[in-house]
Structure formats: structure tokens, C-alpha cells
Amino acid sequence: METFAETHKLVIKQKFEPLEALANAAANALDLDMLGGLGEIANKYDVFTNDGGDKFRVIETSEMCGCTGRACCRPNHKLQLHVYEPAKSDTQEAMLLDRPCKCGQCCAILDICRPEMTVFEGPEINGNKIGYIKQPVLGGYLSPSLEIMDREEDEEPYATIKSEACCCIGGLFFDHDFTVTDKDGNLVGKITKTRPDSIGGFAKELASDADVFALELNQNSSLTAKQKANIFAGLYLIDYMFFENEGELKLDYVNRECSFKCCDLYCCGCVCPCSCNCGGKSDEEEDEEGAVQDGVVEDDGGDDGDDGAGDGDGDAGEEEE
């Protein structure tokens, strides 16, 4: 935790996974969403200081299959994030972030519909618990928010992460800011999901989940090292809640249709994707395909009738003889 005591600004970059991008492209081309789920790869992040220094490595561990696995439940699947400090050890975790599977993207009233994350110091999930993050009831109404507490049993959070956007979140063309305030309403930090700064970065985010975040913490705030670590953990919960499918591009070669996800509409925890569609089969083509299918069915019925008539004639001939 000493590392966070002097931390004021971090840049978080999610690693680009070519196999995941290939699986998504194949799933879109063949109109098979399940194929994209099978190609979902556990996330990995590199964390740097503002001057480019290597600070942390964050690696996700989660099941591929199963009722709470990536293939079925992404991005709401059960997972753990292991935080390493390369300067100290590449094998011993400095922190462990644990997130259970919840029914995200729906109205945040029931506990099962409110995403949460527990933060531990060290590698053990039952070790030193230092923080708890959860979406509040009704999810901040029109602006997504998270509450940070020392313990799950606490009734009052010591910090709140809240989006500056209203009703609309996500999209690749703008930065998305989340302010961090203490219990008195004072600004103590900011989390920014940055837009791609190049055509290559834009293409990577279209093809996969390679997001980039910036975390700034107020140098004059009274935040402790553990509280800064919890805000750092809250950034990852935001990523899984809102930015795993940001800017999703679908090229459906089967139906000759293209779809681009512009943003998400948000209200009380409910998330509804807003997409632009173009192409697709015309009404005349769909009518022709329907007529062809109906004709096949009628032909099958007619053949059966002819066969029946022939059998009847044969039986009649046998009786005359």
C-alpha cells in the first residue's frame, strides 16, 4: 500500500488481444454471438505513471465456461483481478480484487442487480480486506455512480465515484469523466476513459476491448494509501460495467448488414445500447425468400399427395383382379 501513498496520476492501458478480435470478427460475420463469447479472453492491464514509469500489472482470472463464466455472462461474469508491482515481485500479488457475478445492466433495486467488488491487500481472498465498492440503489439515477466503503457493513461511503454524463455513457469519440468526491462533497480525484488518439487506437477498440484510462488523485486531499487503492479498484469495476462492449462494430455478411454501437443510454442502473444500422436485406428479398420457402413446403405436400394417389390406384387394381 505504500506505493499509493505517493501516487497522484496513473495511466491504465488494457492489452490488445488479437485472438479475441479475430473471434469477434468471425462471430459478427456469421451472425453467431456465442462464438464471440467463446473467444473472450481474460483482461490484462499495464499501469504506468504519468511520466511512463512501469507501476503495476493487473491480470484477470476467471472461468471460460460455466454458469458464471465469460462465455455465458460477459461482461458480468465472476472474476478476480491480481495486481502486481513489477518493481517488487512478478509473482506475489500486492492486491486482489474480487467481483462476484451479478445481473448487471438492469434496474439497480435488488442486490443481485447491483455490481460490487471487494478489495484485499495481498494475494489471499480471505486476507486483509481494505475496501468494498458497490453500485447504490437506483445506480445514481441518470448518472452512473459507485460508493466506496471500508467494509461491506458500512452504511455511509467515504467516497463516491460519479459520471459527469447524464443519461448517456460510452462511445469512442469523446472522453468520459467520473469525478471522485469524499463524504463532504469535496473533489478528491477523477477517472477518465480516454478516447482513441489515433486511427490505430480507434481500430483496436472497435475490434476488441483495449481501453485506456487515466486516474488523477488530488495531492492536497486527506486520502490514505488504502483509500487511494480502493479508488484505483473502482476504475476496473467501471470498465467492466460500461466499456467492455464500447464501440462494438458488427459486420454481418449473412444478412449483409453493418451495425455500430454509438453509446449506451442509462437510467437507474438500466443500460440500453444505442446503435446505428445500415444495409440488410430489403423487404422484397425477404418476401422472395419467404415465397421460396413456402414453395418448398407446398412441393413436399404435393409429392406426398401424388404418392398417396398412386398407392390408392394400385390398391384398386388389386381389388379388381
Protein backbone atom coordinates (compact mmCIF):
# COMPACT_ATOMS: atom_id res chain seq x y z
CA MET A 1 0.00 0.00 0.00
CA GLU A 2 2.96 2.33 0.43
CA THR A 3 3.08 2.68 -3.36
CA PHE A 4 -0.25 4.51 -3.39
CA ALA A 5 0.85 6.99 -0.72
CA GLU A 6 2.84 8.98 -3.28
CA THR A 7 0.63 8.18 -6.28
CA HIS A 8 -1.19 11.12 -7.87
CA LYS A 9 -1.65 10.16 -11.52
CA LEU A 10 -1.77 6.80 -13.32
CA VAL A 11 -2.42 5.71 -16.90
CA ILE A 12 -4.10 2.31 -17.34
CA LYS A 13 -3.87 0.54 -20.69
CA GLN A 14 -5.70 -2.69 -21.44
CA LYS A 15 -3.74 -5.09 -23.62
CA PHE A 16 -4.96 -5.77 -27.14
CA GLU A 17 -5.80 -9.45 -27.75
CA PRO A 18 -5.60 -10.43 -31.46
CA LEU A 19 -7.34 -13.79 -30.93
CA GLU A 20 -10.27 -12.07 -29.24
CA ALA A 21 -10.54 -9.61 -32.13
CA LEU A 22 -10.49 -12.48 -34.62
CA ALA A 23 -13.20 -14.38 -32.73
CA ASN A 24 -15.39 -11.27 -32.59
CA ALA A 25 -14.95 -10.67 -36.31
CA ALA A 26 -15.89 -14.27 -37.12
CA ALA A 27 -18.90 -14.14 -34.79
CA ASN A 28 -20.15 -10.95 -36.43
CA ALA A 29 -19.61 -12.23 -39.95
CA LEU A 30 -21.51 -15.46 -39.29
CA ASP A 31 -24.13 -13.87 -37.00
CA LEU A 32 -23.13 -16.20 -34.13
CA ASP A 33 -22.86 -14.27 -30.85
CA MET A 34 -21.88 -17.41 -28.94
CA LEU A 35 -18.71 -17.69 -30.99
CA GLY A 36 -17.64 -14.26 -29.76
CA GLY A 37 -18.25 -15.40 -26.17
CA LEU A 38 -16.01 -18.43 -26.66
CA GLY A 39 -13.28 -16.12 -27.96
CA GLU A 40 -13.47 -13.79 -24.93
CA ILE A 41 -10.03 -13.67 -23.27
CA ALA A 42 -9.35 -12.65 -19.67
CA ASN A 43 -8.29 -8.99 -19.50
CA LYS A 44 -4.76 -7.79 -18.80
CA TYR A 45 -3.75 -4.23 -17.95
CA ASP A 46 -0.48 -2.31 -17.79
CA VAL A 47 -0.41 0.61 -15.35
CA PHE A 48 2.07 3.47 -15.79
CA THR A 49 2.88 6.71 -14.03
CA ASN A 50 2.29 9.94 -15.93
CA ASP A 51 5.97 10.02 -16.95
CA GLY A 52 5.81 6.49 -18.41
CA GLY A 53 7.20 4.54 -15.47
CA ASP A 54 6.02 0.95 -15.08
CA LYS A 55 3.84 0.81 -11.94
CA PHE A 56 1.52 -2.22 -11.87
CA ARG A 57 0.43 -5.29 -13.82
CA VAL A 58 -3.22 -6.30 -13.46
CA ILE A 59 -4.30 -9.75 -14.65
CA GLU A 60 -7.82 -11.19 -14.66
CA THR A 61 -8.54 -14.81 -13.72
CA SER A 62 -11.98 -16.18 -14.50
CA GLU A 63 -13.66 -19.31 -15.86
CA MET A 64 -14.35 -19.59 -19.57
CA CYS A 65 -17.42 -21.82 -19.27
CA GLY A 66 -19.90 -22.48 -16.51
CA CYS A 67 -22.94 -20.58 -15.31
CA THR A 68 -20.86 -17.54 -14.27
CA GLY A 69 -18.10 -17.83 -16.91
CA ARG A 70 -17.01 -15.39 -19.61
CA ALA A 71 -18.66 -17.28 -22.47
CA CYS A 72 -22.15 -17.04 -20.95
CA CYS A 73 -22.14 -13.99 -18.69
CA ARG A 74 -19.64 -11.46 -20.07
CA PRO A 75 -19.15 -8.70 -19.02
CA ASN A 76 -20.94 -9.55 -15.75
CA HIS A 77 -19.03 -12.80 -15.14
CA LYS A 78 -17.35 -13.74 -11.86
CA LEU A 79 -13.69 -12.72 -11.81
CA GLN A 80 -10.64 -11.82 -9.77
CA LEU A 81 -8.04 -9.21 -10.66
CA HIS A 82 -4.49 -9.79 -9.42
CA VAL A 83 -2.40 -6.63 -9.01
CA TYR A 84 1.39 -7.00 -9.20
CA GLU A 85 4.18 -4.47 -8.63
CA PRO A 86 6.91 -5.38 -11.15
CA ALA A 87 9.49 -3.39 -9.20
CA LYS A 88 8.97 -5.66 -6.20
CA SER A 89 7.67 -9.00 -7.45
CA ASP A 90 6.18 -10.54 -10.59
CA THR A 91 4.71 -13.47 -8.69
CA GLN A 92 3.43 -12.05 -5.40
CA GLU A 93 0.23 -10.01 -5.61
CA ALA A 94 0.13 -6.63 -3.93
CA MET A 95 -3.67 -6.55 -4.14
CA LEU A 96 -6.55 -8.82 -5.06
CA LEU A 97 -9.87 -7.52 -6.42
CA ASP A 98 -12.80 -9.92 -6.23
CA ARG A 99 -16.04 -9.39 -8.17
CA PRO A 100 -18.98 -11.83 -8.00
CA CYS A 101 -21.32 -12.44 -10.93
CA LYS A 102 -24.32 -10.09 -10.86
CA CYS A 103 -27.19 -9.30 -13.24
CA GLY A 104 -25.75 -6.03 -14.47
CA GLN A 105 -27.25 -3.52 -16.90
CA CYS A 106 -30.71 -3.78 -15.30
CA CYS A 107 -32.61 -1.66 -12.75
CA ALA A 108 -30.44 -1.38 -9.63
CA ILE A 109 -33.03 -2.17 -6.97
CA LEU A 110 -32.40 -5.77 -5.93
CA ASP A 111 -28.99 -6.71 -4.55
CA ILE A 112 -28.45 -9.25 -7.36
CA CYS A 113 -28.64 -6.36 -9.86
CA ARG A 114 -26.05 -4.11 -8.17
CA PRO A 115 -22.41 -4.82 -9.18
CA GLU A 116 -19.85 -4.90 -6.38
CA MET A 117 -16.16 -5.51 -5.75
CA THR A 118 -14.17 -6.38 -2.62
CA VAL A 119 -10.54 -5.24 -2.29
CA PHE A 120 -7.90 -7.23 -0.39
CA GLU A 121 -4.31 -6.37 0.43
CA GLY A 122 -2.04 -9.25 -0.56
CA PRO A 123 -2.80 -12.42 -2.51
CA GLU A 124 -5.38 -14.09 -0.26
CA ILE A 125 -9.10 -13.55 -0.83
CA ASN A 126 -9.70 -14.07 2.89
CA GLY A 127 -6.77 -11.90 3.89
CA ASN A 128 -6.69 -8.25 4.86
CA LYS A 129 -9.86 -6.66 3.48
CA ILE A 130 -9.24 -2.97 2.84
CA GLY A 131 -12.30 -1.85 0.86
CA TYR A 132 -15.70 -2.54 -0.63
CA ILE A 133 -17.24 -0.91 -3.73
CA LYS A 134 -20.88 -1.18 -4.77
CA GLN A 135 -23.45 0.42 -7.02
CA PRO A 136 -26.04 2.27 -4.90
CA VAL A 137 -29.78 1.62 -5.05
CA LEU A 138 -31.09 3.00 -8.37
CA GLY A 139 -27.48 3.37 -9.54
CA GLY A 140 -27.20 7.15 -9.22
CA TYR A 141 -30.44 7.75 -11.16
CA LEU A 142 -29.41 9.34 -14.50
CA SER A 143 -25.64 9.43 -13.87
CA PRO A 144 -23.81 6.15 -13.09
CA SER A 145 -22.22 6.10 -9.64
CA LEU A 146 -20.37 3.79 -7.24
CA GLU A 147 -19.95 4.02 -3.48
CA ILE A 148 -16.65 3.18 -1.75
CA MET A 149 -16.62 1.94 1.84
CA ASP A 150 -14.08 0.47 4.21
CA ARG A 151 -16.30 -2.55 4.90
CA GLU A 152 -19.42 -4.11 3.40
CA GLU A 153 -21.31 -3.45 6.63
CA ASP A 154 -20.72 0.32 6.50
CA GLU A 155 -23.84 2.37 5.88
CA GLU A 156 -22.10 5.55 4.72
CA PRO A 157 -19.46 5.62 1.99
CA TYR A 158 -16.32 7.70 2.48
CA ALA A 159 -16.09 8.38 -1.28
CA THR A 160 -18.37 8.34 -4.32
CA ILE A 161 -17.46 7.86 -7.98
CA LYS A 162 -20.00 9.56 -10.25
CA SER A 163 -20.13 10.08 -14.00
CA GLU A 164 -20.32 13.63 -15.32
CA ALA A 165 -22.57 12.38 -18.13
CA CYS A 166 -26.36 12.31 -17.87
CA CYS A 167 -28.45 9.52 -19.43
CA CYS A 168 -25.75 8.71 -21.98
CA ILE A 169 -22.43 6.93 -21.49
CA GLY A 170 -19.84 5.28 -23.67
CA GLY A 171 -18.84 5.96 -27.25
CA LEU A 172 -15.42 6.20 -28.86
CA PHE A 173 -15.47 9.83 -29.94
CA PHE A 174 -15.31 11.56 -26.54
CA ASP A 175 -13.56 11.33 -23.18
CA HIS A 176 -15.76 10.11 -20.33
CA ASP A 177 -15.10 11.62 -16.91
CA PHE A 178 -16.02 10.25 -13.48
CA THR A 179 -15.49 12.54 -10.50
CA VAL A 180 -14.45 11.18 -7.10
CA THR A 181 -15.78 13.09 -4.09
CA ASP A 182 -15.45 12.50 -0.36
CA LYS A 183 -18.39 12.28 2.06
CA ASP A 184 -18.40 16.08 2.38
CA GLY A 185 -18.68 16.56 -1.39
CA ASN A 186 -15.10 17.71 -1.89
CA LEU A 187 -13.40 16.69 -5.14
CA VAL A 188 -10.56 14.27 -4.39
CA GLY A 189 -9.94 12.67 -7.78
CA LYS A 190 -11.06 11.97 -11.33
CA ILE A 191 -11.23 8.89 -13.54
CA THR A 192 -11.21 9.43 -17.31
CA LYS A 193 -11.92 6.89 -20.02
CA THR A 194 -9.93 8.47 -22.85
CA ARG A 195 -10.95 8.39 -26.47
CA PRO A 196 -8.56 6.83 -29.01
CA ASP A 197 -5.81 9.24 -30.02
CA SER A 198 -5.06 7.64 -33.38
CA ILE A 199 -6.65 5.63 -36.17
CA GLY A 200 -4.80 2.55 -34.94
CA GLY A 201 -6.17 3.00 -31.42
CA PHE A 202 -9.66 3.51 -32.81
CA ALA A 203 -9.38 0.29 -34.83
CA LYS A 204 -8.17 -1.64 -31.77
CA GLU A 205 -11.13 -0.54 -29.68
CA LEU A 206 -13.52 -1.41 -32.50
CA ALA A 207 -12.08 -4.90 -32.78
CA SER A 208 -11.55 -5.67 -29.07
CA ASP A 209 -11.79 -4.28 -25.52
CA ALA A 210 -8.43 -2.44 -25.49
CA ASP A 211 -9.44 0.56 -23.34
CA VAL A 212 -7.25 3.35 -21.92
CA PHE A 213 -7.99 5.13 -18.61
CA ALA A 214 -6.38 7.93 -16.62
CA LEU A 215 -6.63 8.25 -12.84
CA GLU A 216 -5.86 11.56 -11.12
CA LEU A 217 -5.86 11.97 -7.32
CA ASN A 218 -5.85 15.32 -5.52
CA GLN A 219 -2.45 15.87 -3.91
CA ASN A 220 -3.99 18.05 -1.20
CA SER A 221 -6.68 15.56 -0.19
CA SER A 222 -6.64 13.63 3.06
CA LEU A 223 -6.94 10.25 1.33
CA THR A 224 -4.93 7.42 2.84
CA ALA A 225 -2.95 4.94 0.76
CA LYS A 226 -5.67 2.29 1.23
CA GLN A 227 -8.39 4.69 0.16
CA LYS A 228 -6.43 5.56 -2.98
CA ALA A 229 -6.08 1.83 -3.68
CA ASN A 230 -9.87 1.43 -3.44
CA ILE A 231 -10.44 4.26 -5.93
CA PHE A 232 -7.95 2.53 -8.21
CA ALA A 233 -10.01 -0.68 -7.87
CA GLY A 234 -13.22 1.21 -8.66
CA LEU A 235 -11.79 2.11 -12.06
CA TYR A 236 -11.82 -1.56 -13.09
CA LEU A 237 -15.40 -2.05 -11.95
CA ILE A 238 -16.37 0.90 -14.15
CA ASP A 239 -14.55 -0.67 -17.10
CA TYR A 240 -16.44 -3.96 -16.82
CA MET A 241 -19.78 -2.24 -16.24
CA PHE A 242 -19.73 0.22 -19.14
CA PHE A 243 -16.78 -0.12 -21.53
CA GLU A 244 -16.30 -3.80 -22.36
CA ASN A 245 -18.52 -3.54 -25.46
CA GLU A 246 -17.93 0.12 -26.21
CA GLY A 247 -17.95 0.99 -29.91
CA GLU A 248 -18.95 -2.54 -30.87
CA LEU A 249 -18.84 -3.00 -34.65
CA LYS A 250 -20.75 -5.84 -36.30
CA LEU A 251 -20.31 -6.77 -39.96
CA ASP A 252 -22.96 -9.40 -40.67
CA TYR A 253 -22.12 -10.94 -44.05
CA VAL A 254 -25.04 -13.38 -43.84
CA ASN A 255 -27.65 -10.64 -43.74
CA ARG A 256 -25.44 -8.02 -45.45
CA GLU A 257 -25.84 -5.66 -42.51
CA CYS A 258 -23.49 -3.34 -40.61
CA SER A 259 -24.09 -2.14 -37.04
CA PHE A 260 -22.06 0.30 -34.91
CA LYS A 261 -22.73 0.91 -31.22
CA CYS A 262 -22.70 4.67 -30.65
CA CYS A 263 -23.29 4.79 -26.89
CA ASP A 264 -25.37 3.40 -24.01
CA LEU A 265 -28.48 5.04 -22.64
CA TYR A 266 -28.52 4.92 -18.85
CA CYS A 267 -31.26 5.25 -16.24
CA CYS A 268 -31.29 3.90 -12.66
CA GLY A 269 -28.85 1.11 -13.49
CA CYS A 270 -30.52 0.08 -16.74
CA VAL A 271 -28.24 0.17 -19.77
CA CYS A 272 -29.70 0.18 -23.28
CA PRO A 273 -27.31 0.16 -26.27
CA CYS A 274 -27.89 2.78 -28.96
CA SER A 275 -26.64 1.62 -32.37
CA CYS A 276 -26.60 2.81 -35.97
CA ASN A 277 -27.52 0.19 -38.58
CA CYS A 278 -27.12 0.17 -42.32
CA GLY A 279 -27.58 -2.35 -45.08
CA GLY A 280 -29.54 -5.53 -44.55
CA LYS A 281 -31.90 -7.37 -46.84
CA SER A 282 -34.71 -5.42 -48.45
CA ASP A 283 -38.38 -6.26 -47.89
CA GLU A 284 -38.60 -7.62 -51.45
CA GLU A 285 -35.70 -10.00 -50.84
CA GLU A 286 -37.23 -11.21 -47.58
CA ASP A 287 -40.57 -11.72 -49.35
CA GLU A 288 -38.86 -13.70 -52.11
CA GLU A 289 -37.08 -15.91 -49.58
CA GLY A 290 -40.37 -16.46 -47.79
CA ALA A 291 -42.08 -17.37 -51.04
CA VAL A 292 -39.31 -19.82 -51.93
CA GLN A 293 -39.62 -21.49 -48.53
CA ASP A 294 -43.41 -21.67 -48.87
CA GLY A 295 -43.00 -23.18 -52.32
CA VAL A 296 -40.69 -25.87 -50.96
CA VAL A 297 -43.25 -26.76 -48.32
CA GLU A 298 -46.08 -26.91 -50.91
CA ASP A 299 -43.99 -29.09 -53.23
CA ASP A 300 -43.30 -31.52 -50.42
CA GLY A 301 -47.01 -31.67 -49.67
CA GLY A 302 -47.88 -32.19 -53.34
CA ASP A 303 -45.38 -35.03 -53.70
CA ASP A 304 -46.87 -36.75 -50.68
CA GLY A 305 -50.36 -36.40 -52.19
CA ASP A 306 -49.24 -37.89 -55.52
CA ASP A 307 -47.61 -40.79 -53.76
CA GLY A 308 -50.81 -41.37 -51.83
CA ALA A 309 -52.90 -41.27 -55.01
CA GLY A 310 -50.62 -43.75 -56.70
CA ASP A 311 -50.87 -46.12 -53.81
CA GLY A 312 -54.64 -45.81 -53.91
CA ASP A 313 -54.74 -46.71 -57.65
CA GLY A 314 -52.57 -49.72 -57.02
CA ASP A 315 -54.84 -50.97 -54.30
CA ALA A 316 -57.90 -50.50 -56.52
CA GLY A 317 -56.30 -52.55 -59.31
CA GLU A 318 -55.53 -55.38 -56.95
CA GLU A 319 -59.15 -55.49 -55.79
CA GLU A 320 -60.49 -55.72 -59.44
CA GLU A 321 -58.23 -58.65 -60.15
